[in-house]
PDB file of N, CA and C in Angstrom:
ATOM      1  N   MET A   1     -65.380 -79.858  14.442  1.00  0.00           N
ATOM      2  CA  MET A   1     -65.100 -79.247  15.851  1.00  0.00           C
ATOM      3  C   MET A   1     -65.994 -77.973  15.965  1.00  0.00           C
ATOM      4  N   ASN A   2     -66.706 -77.998  17.071  1.00  0.00           N
ATOM      5  CA  ASN A   2     -67.611 -76.960  17.278  1.00  0.00           C
ATOM      6  C   ASN A   2     -67.401 -76.208  18.607  1.00  0.00           C
ATOM      7  N   ARG A   3     -66.331 -76.668  19.354  1.00  0.00           N
ATOM      8  CA  ARG A   3     -65.947 -75.928  20.623  1.00  0.00           C
ATOM      9  C   ARG A   3     -64.722 -75.137  20.347  1.00  0.00           C
ATOM     10  N   SER A   4     -64.721 -73.894  20.743  1.00  0.00           N
ATOM     11  CA  SER A   4     -63.570 -73.116  20.572  1.00  0.00           C
ATOM     12  C   SER A   4     -62.342 -73.472  21.298  1.00  0.00           C
ATOM     13  N   ARG A   5     -62.565 -74.140  22.413  1.00  0.00           N
ATOM     14  CA  ARG A   5     -61.356 -74.562  23.226  1.00  0.00           C
ATOM     15  C   ARG A   5     -60.692 -75.769  22.430  1.00  0.00           C
ATOM     16  N   ASP A   6     -61.435 -76.550  21.757  1.00  0.00           N
ATOM     17  CA  ASP A   6     -60.889 -77.727  20.939  1.00  0.00           C
ATOM     18  C   ASP A   6     -60.164 -77.190  19.758  1.00  0.00           C
ATOM     19  N   ILE A   7     -60.796 -76.257  19.016  1.00  0.00           N
ATOM     20  CA  ILE A   7     -60.127 -75.542  17.905  1.00  0.00           C
ATOM     21  C   ILE A   7     -58.772 -74.879  18.348  1.00  0.00           C
ATOM     22  N   LYS A   8     -58.893 -74.236  19.452  1.00  0.00           N
ATOM     23  CA  LYS A   8     -57.716 -73.518  19.974  1.00  0.00           C
ATOM     24  C   LYS A   8     -56.591 -74.512  20.192  1.00  0.00           C
ATOM     25  N   TYR A   9     -56.972 -75.722  20.906  1.00  0.00           N
ATOM     26  CA  TYR A   9     -55.901 -76.656  21.209  1.00  0.00           C
ATOM     27  C   TYR A   9     -55.293 -77.233  19.949  1.00  0.00           C
ATOM     28  N   LEU A  10     -56.121 -77.630  19.001  1.00  0.00           N
ATOM     29  CA  LEU A  10     -55.468 -78.204  17.785  1.00  0.00           C
ATOM     30  C   LEU A  10     -54.768 -77.215  16.950  1.00  0.00           C
ATOM     31  N   THR A  11     -55.068 -76.041  16.978  1.00  0.00           N
ATOM     32  CA  THR A  11     -54.250 -75.027  16.236  1.00  0.00           C
ATOM     33  C   THR A  11     -52.941 -74.639  16.845  1.00  0.00           C
ATOM     34  N   GLN A  12     -53.023 -74.635  18.311  1.00  0.00           N
ATOM     35  CA  GLN A  12     -51.809 -74.255  19.013  1.00  0.00           C
ATOM     36  C   GLN A  12     -50.995 -75.507  19.285  1.00  0.00           C
ATOM     37  N   ASN A  13     -51.239 -76.668  18.943  1.00  0.00           N
ATOM     38  CA  ASN A  13     -50.518 -77.937  19.217  1.00  0.00           C
ATOM     39  C   ASN A  13     -50.574 -78.714  17.960  1.00  0.00           C
ATOM     40  N   LYS A  14     -50.140 -78.161  16.929  1.00  0.00           N
ATOM     41  CA  LYS A  14     -50.206 -78.783  15.575  1.00  0.00           C
ATOM     42  C   LYS A  14     -49.336 -80.040  15.566  1.00  0.00           C
ATOM     43  N   LYS A  15     -48.125 -79.975  16.093  1.00  0.00           N
ATOM     44  CA  LYS A  15     -47.282 -81.180  16.047  1.00  0.00           C
ATOM     45  C   LYS A  15     -47.757 -82.279  16.808  1.00  0.00           C
ATOM     46  N   GLU A  16     -48.363 -82.185  18.025  1.00  0.00           N
ATOM     47  CA  GLU A  16     -48.938 -83.162  18.736  1.00  0.00           C
ATOM     48  C   GLU A  16     -50.116 -83.797  18.182  1.00  0.00           C
ATOM     49  N   THR A  17     -50.999 -82.905  17.464  1.00  0.00           N
ATOM     50  CA  THR A  17     -52.169 -83.316  16.690  1.00  0.00           C
ATOM     51  C   THR A  17     -51.778 -84.193  15.537  1.00  0.00           C
ATOM     52  N   ALA A  18     -50.806 -83.727  14.809  1.00  0.00           N
ATOM     53  CA  ALA A  18     -50.303 -84.477  13.632  1.00  0.00           C
ATOM     54  C   ALA A  18     -49.824 -85.863  14.161  1.00  0.00           C
ATOM     55  N   ILE A  19     -49.087 -85.895  15.115  1.00  0.00           N
ATOM     56  CA  ILE A  19     -48.491 -87.190  15.573  1.00  0.00           C
ATOM     57  C   ILE A  19     -49.597 -88.137  16.092  1.00  0.00           C
ATOM     58  N   SER A  20     -50.575 -87.655  16.753  1.00  0.00           N
ATOM     59  CA  SER A  20     -51.742 -88.367  17.191  1.00  0.00           C
ATOM     60  C   SER A  20     -52.578 -88.911  16.024  1.00  0.00           C
ATOM     61  N   LEU A  21     -52.811 -88.184  15.096  1.00  0.00           N
ATOM     62  CA  LEU A  21     -53.504 -88.583  13.907  1.00  0.00           C
ATOM     63  C   LEU A  21     -52.728 -89.669  13.210  1.00  0.00           C
ATOM     64  N   ALA A  22     -51.423 -89.505  12.921  1.00  0.00           N
ATOM     65  CA  ALA A  22     -50.549 -90.513  12.292  1.00  0.00           C
ATOM     66  C   ALA A  22     -50.624 -91.739  13.100  1.00  0.00           C
ATOM     67  N   VAL A  23     -50.463 -91.624  14.321  1.00  0.00           N
ATOM     68  CA  VAL A  23     -50.433 -92.978  15.166  1.00  0.00           C
ATOM     69  C   VAL A  23     -51.819 -93.716  15.132  1.00  0.00           C
ATOM     70  N   GLY A  24     -52.822 -92.878  15.156  1.00  0.00           N
ATOM     71  CA  GLY A  24     -54.239 -93.564  14.949  1.00  0.00           C
ATOM     72  C   GLY A  24     -54.298 -94.196  13.639  1.00  0.00           C
ATOM     73  N   ILE A  25     -53.993 -93.561  12.606  1.00  0.00           N
ATOM     74  CA  ILE A  25     -54.035 -94.243  11.236  1.00  0.00           C
ATOM     75  C   ILE A  25     -53.190 -95.372  11.065  1.00  0.00           C
ATOM     76  N   TYR A  26     -52.011 -95.333  11.592  1.00  0.00           N
ATOM     77  CA  TYR A  26     -51.099 -96.381  11.612  1.00  0.00           C
ATOM     78  C   TYR A  26     -51.679 -97.695  12.302  1.00  0.00           C
ATOM     79  N   SER A  27     -52.242 -97.395  13.495  1.00  0.00           N
ATOM     80  CA  SER A  27     -52.825 -98.454  14.358  1.00  0.00           C
ATOM     81  C   SER A  27     -53.979 -99.199  13.470  1.00  0.00           C
ATOM     82  N   LEU A  28     -54.694 -98.517  12.726  1.00  0.00           N
ATOM     83  CA  LEU A  28     -55.746 -99.074  11.932  1.00  0.00           C
ATOM     84  C   LEU A  28     -55.189-100.102  10.996  1.00  0.00           C
ATOM     85  N   PHE A  29     -53.964 -99.905  10.501  1.00  0.00           N
ATOM     86  CA  PHE A  29     -53.373-100.848   9.487  1.00  0.00           C
ATOM     87  C   PHE A  29     -52.611-102.004  10.170  1.00  0.00           C
ATOM     88  N   VAL A  30     -51.903-101.642  11.180  1.00  0.00           N
ATOM     89  CA  VAL A  30     -51.011-102.749  11.801  1.00  0.00           C
ATOM     90  C   VAL A  30     -51.328-103.119  13.186  1.00  0.00           C
ATOM     91  N   GLY A  31     -52.162-102.357  13.869  1.00  0.00           N
ATOM     92  CA  GLY A  31     -52.361-102.596  15.304  1.00  0.00           C
ATOM     93  C   GLY A  31     -51.213-101.822  16.093  1.00  0.00           C
ATOM     94  N   LEU A  32     -51.477-101.745  17.369  1.00  0.00           N
ATOM     95  CA  LEU A  32     -50.518-101.029  18.207  1.00  0.00           C
ATOM     96  C   LEU A  32     -50.517-101.532  19.610  1.00  0.00           C
ATOM     97  N   ASP A  33     -49.289-101.818  20.217  1.00  0.00           N
ATOM     98  CA  ASP A  33     -49.108-102.085  21.514  1.00  0.00           C
ATOM     99  C   ASP A  33     -48.912-100.798  22.263  1.00  0.00           C
ATOM    100  N   VAL A  34     -49.826-100.364  23.074  1.00  0.00           N
ATOM    101  CA  VAL A  34     -49.735 -99.074  23.777  1.00  0.00           C
ATOM    102  C   VAL A  34     -49.208 -99.346  25.196  1.00  0.00           C
ATOM    103  N   LYS A  35     -48.320 -98.511  25.534  1.00  0.00           N
ATOM    104  CA  LYS A  35     -47.683 -98.633  26.874  1.00  0.00           C
ATOM    105  C   LYS A  35     -48.734 -98.349  27.929  1.00  0.00           C
ATOM    106  N   LYS A  36     -48.735 -99.172  29.058  1.00  0.00           N
ATOM    107  CA  LYS A  36     -49.676 -98.898  30.058  1.00  0.00           C
ATOM    108  C   LYS A  36     -49.204 -97.794  30.917  1.00  0.00           C
ATOM    109  N   ASN A  37     -50.212 -96.985  31.188  1.00  0.00           N
ATOM    110  CA  ASN A  37     -49.918 -95.722  32.147  1.00  0.00           C
ATOM    111  C   ASN A  37     -50.809 -95.825  33.225  1.00  0.00           C
ATOM    112  N   PRO A  38     -50.312 -96.033  34.475  1.00  0.00           N
ATOM    113  CA  PRO A  38     -51.287 -96.114  35.603  1.00  0.00           C
ATOM    114  C   PRO A  38     -52.029 -94.824  35.943  1.00  0.00           C
ATOM    115  N   LYS A  39     -51.555 -93.722  35.357  1.00  0.00           N
ATOM    116  CA  LYS A  39     -52.280 -92.407  35.542  1.00  0.00           C
ATOM    117  C   LYS A  39     -53.490 -92.336  34.769  1.00  0.00           C
ATOM    118  N   LEU A  40     -53.690 -93.071  33.738  1.00  0.00           N
ATOM    119  CA  LEU A  40     -54.835 -92.926  32.818  1.00  0.00           C
ATOM    120  C   LEU A  40     -56.018 -93.819  33.419  1.00  0.00           C
ATOM    121  N   PRO A  41     -57.120 -93.357  33.224  1.00  0.00           N
ATOM    122  CA  PRO A  41     -58.420 -94.093  33.686  1.00  0.00           C
ATOM    123  C   PRO A  41     -58.464 -95.374  32.983  1.00  0.00           C
ATOM    124  N   TYR A  42     -58.138 -95.525  31.822  1.00  0.00           N
ATOM    125  CA  TYR A  42     -58.103 -96.759  30.957  1.00  0.00           C
ATOM    126  C   TYR A  42     -56.985 -96.647  29.993  1.00  0.00           C
ATOM    127  N   ASN A  43     -56.568 -97.815  29.443  1.00  0.00           N
ATOM    128  CA  ASN A  43     -55.546 -97.991  28.457  1.00  0.00           C
ATOM    129  C   ASN A  43     -56.080 -98.387  27.161  1.00  0.00           C
ATOM    130  N   PRO A  44     -55.804 -97.566  26.087  1.00  0.00           N
ATOM    131  CA  PRO A  44     -56.444 -97.860  24.725  1.00  0.00           C
ATOM    132  C   PRO A  44     -55.904 -99.051  24.085  1.00  0.00           C
ATOM    133  N   LYS A  45     -56.726 -99.795  23.350  1.00  0.00           N
ATOM    134  CA  LYS A  45     -56.213-101.004  22.631  1.00  0.00           C
ATOM    135  C   LYS A  45     -56.083-100.483  21.117  1.00  0.00           C
ATOM    136  N   GLY A  46     -55.077-101.107  20.492  1.00  0.00           N
ATOM    137  CA  GLY A  46     -54.830-100.862  19.061  1.00  0.00           C
ATOM    138  C   GLY A  46     -54.860-102.039  18.211  1.00  0.00           C
ATOM    139  N   LYS A  47     -56.099-102.537  18.092  1.00  0.00           N
ATOM    140  CA  LYS A  47     -56.126-103.780  17.114  1.00  0.00           C
ATOM    141  C   LYS A  47     -56.218-103.380  15.733  1.00  0.00           C
ATOM    142  N   LYS A  48     -55.651-103.974  14.760  1.00  0.00           N
ATOM    143  CA  LYS A  48     -55.729-103.651  13.407  1.00  0.00           C
ATOM    144  C   LYS A  48     -57.066-103.952  12.800  1.00  0.00           C
ATOM    145  N   VAL A  49     -57.422-103.249  11.896  1.00  0.00           N
ATOM    146  CA  VAL A  49     -58.880-103.408  11.219  1.00  0.00           C
ATOM    147  C   VAL A  49     -58.725-104.635  10.244  1.00  0.00           C
ATOM    148  N   ASN A  50     -59.743-105.445  10.357  1.00  0.00           N
ATOM    149  CA  ASN A  50     -59.833-106.560   9.447  1.00  0.00           C
ATOM    150  C   ASN A  50     -60.358-105.928   8.066  1.00  0.00           C
ATOM    151  N   TRP A  51     -59.654-105.496   7.169  1.00  0.00           N
ATOM    152  CA  TRP A  51     -60.103-104.875   5.856  1.00  0.00           C
ATOM    153  C   TRP A  51     -60.829-105.794   4.940  1.00  0.00           C
ATOM    154  N   GLU A  52     -60.554-107.090   5.054  1.00  0.00           N
ATOM    155  CA  GLU A  52     -61.314-107.999   4.232  1.00  0.00           C
ATOM    156  C   GLU A  52     -62.828-107.993   4.516  1.00  0.00           C
ATOM    157  N   ARG A  53     -63.090-107.733   5.752  1.00  0.00           N
ATOM    158  CA  ARG A  53     -64.506-107.543   6.197  1.00  0.00           C
ATOM    159  C   ARG A  53     -65.250-106.503   5.457  1.00  0.00           C
ATOM    160  N   TYR A  54     -64.534-105.495   4.971  1.00  0.00           N
ATOM    161  CA  TYR A  54     -65.216-104.375   4.267  1.00  0.00           C
ATOM    162  C   TYR A  54     -64.908-104.412   2.791  1.00  0.00           C
ATOM    163  N   GLU A  55     -64.494-105.576   2.316  1.00  0.00           N
ATOM    164  CA  GLU A  55     -64.194-105.670   0.914  1.00  0.00           C
ATOM    165  C   GLU A  55     -65.099-105.050  -0.092  1.00  0.00           C
ATOM    166  N   ASN A  56     -66.436-105.251   0.105  1.00  0.00           N
ATOM    167  CA  ASN A  56     -67.475-104.880  -0.779  1.00  0.00           C
ATOM    168  C   ASN A  56     -68.378-103.689  -0.156  1.00  0.00           C
ATOM    169  N   TYR A  57     -68.025-103.422   1.058  1.00  0.00           N
ATOM    170  CA  TYR A  57     -68.925-102.428   1.716  1.00  0.00           C
ATOM    171  C   TYR A  57     -69.046-101.115   0.956  1.00  0.00           C
ATOM    172  N   PHE A  58     -67.891-100.555   0.581  1.00  0.00           N
ATOM    173  CA  PHE A  58     -68.018 -99.135  -0.004  1.00  0.00           C
ATOM    174  C   PHE A  58     -68.744 -99.318  -1.389  1.00  0.00           C
ATOM    175  N   ASP A  59     -68.589-100.421  -2.109  1.00  0.00           N
ATOM    176  CA  ASP A  59     -69.321-100.472  -3.423  1.00  0.00           C
ATOM    177  C   ASP A  59     -70.829-100.602  -3.077  1.00  0.00           C
ATOM    178  N   GLU A  60     -71.145-101.323  -2.038  1.00  0.00           N
ATOM    179  CA  GLU A  60     -72.631-101.555  -1.665  1.00  0.00           C
ATOM    180  C   GLU A  60     -73.264-100.193  -1.201  1.00  0.00           C
ATOM    181  N   VAL A  61     -72.646 -99.524  -0.412  1.00  0.00           N
ATOM    182  CA  VAL A  61     -73.211 -98.234   0.167  1.00  0.00           C
ATOM    183  C   VAL A  61     -73.247 -97.076  -0.855  1.00  0.00           C
ATOM    184  N   THR A  62     -72.357 -97.181  -1.908  1.00  0.00           N
ATOM    185  CA  THR A  62     -72.354 -96.061  -2.916  1.00  0.00           C
ATOM    186  C   THR A  62     -73.092 -96.443  -4.128  1.00  0.00           C
ATOM    187  N   GLU A  63     -73.672 -97.694  -4.215  1.00  0.00           N
ATOM    188  CA  GLU A  63     -74.423 -98.209  -5.384  1.00  0.00           C
ATOM    189  C   GLU A  63     -75.705 -97.373  -5.561  1.00  0.00           C
ATOM    190  N   SER A  64     -76.038 -96.934  -6.726  1.00  0.00           N
ATOM    191  CA  SER A  64     -77.317 -96.246  -6.965  1.00  0.00           C
ATOM    192  C   SER A  64     -78.543 -97.232  -6.723  1.00  0.00           C
ATOM    193  N   LYS A  65     -79.488 -96.833  -6.069  1.00  0.00           N
ATOM    194  CA  LYS A  65     -80.781 -97.688  -6.042  1.00  0.00           C
ATOM    195  C   LYS A  65     -81.795 -97.070  -7.005  1.00  0.00           C
ATOM    196  N   PRO A  66     -82.533 -97.852  -7.722  1.00  0.00           N
ATOM    197  CA  PRO A  66     -83.532 -97.226  -8.616  1.00  0.00           C
ATOM    198  C   PRO A  66     -84.814 -96.662  -7.818  1.00  0.00           C
TER     199      PRO A  66
END
């Protein structure tokens, strides 16, 4: 975070920030059906991550190369 207004918002709205982070993390694991809100310019989609796709990813990117 490099904008003071963003930092101010996050520190003054800790409960909302924590809930938003928890919902985002939850949606990665199980997906999420988001209520449509006509006031929003777009409605987010909450598809779960296919973790099998990344089974060896972290081993490959952290492996030492000679």
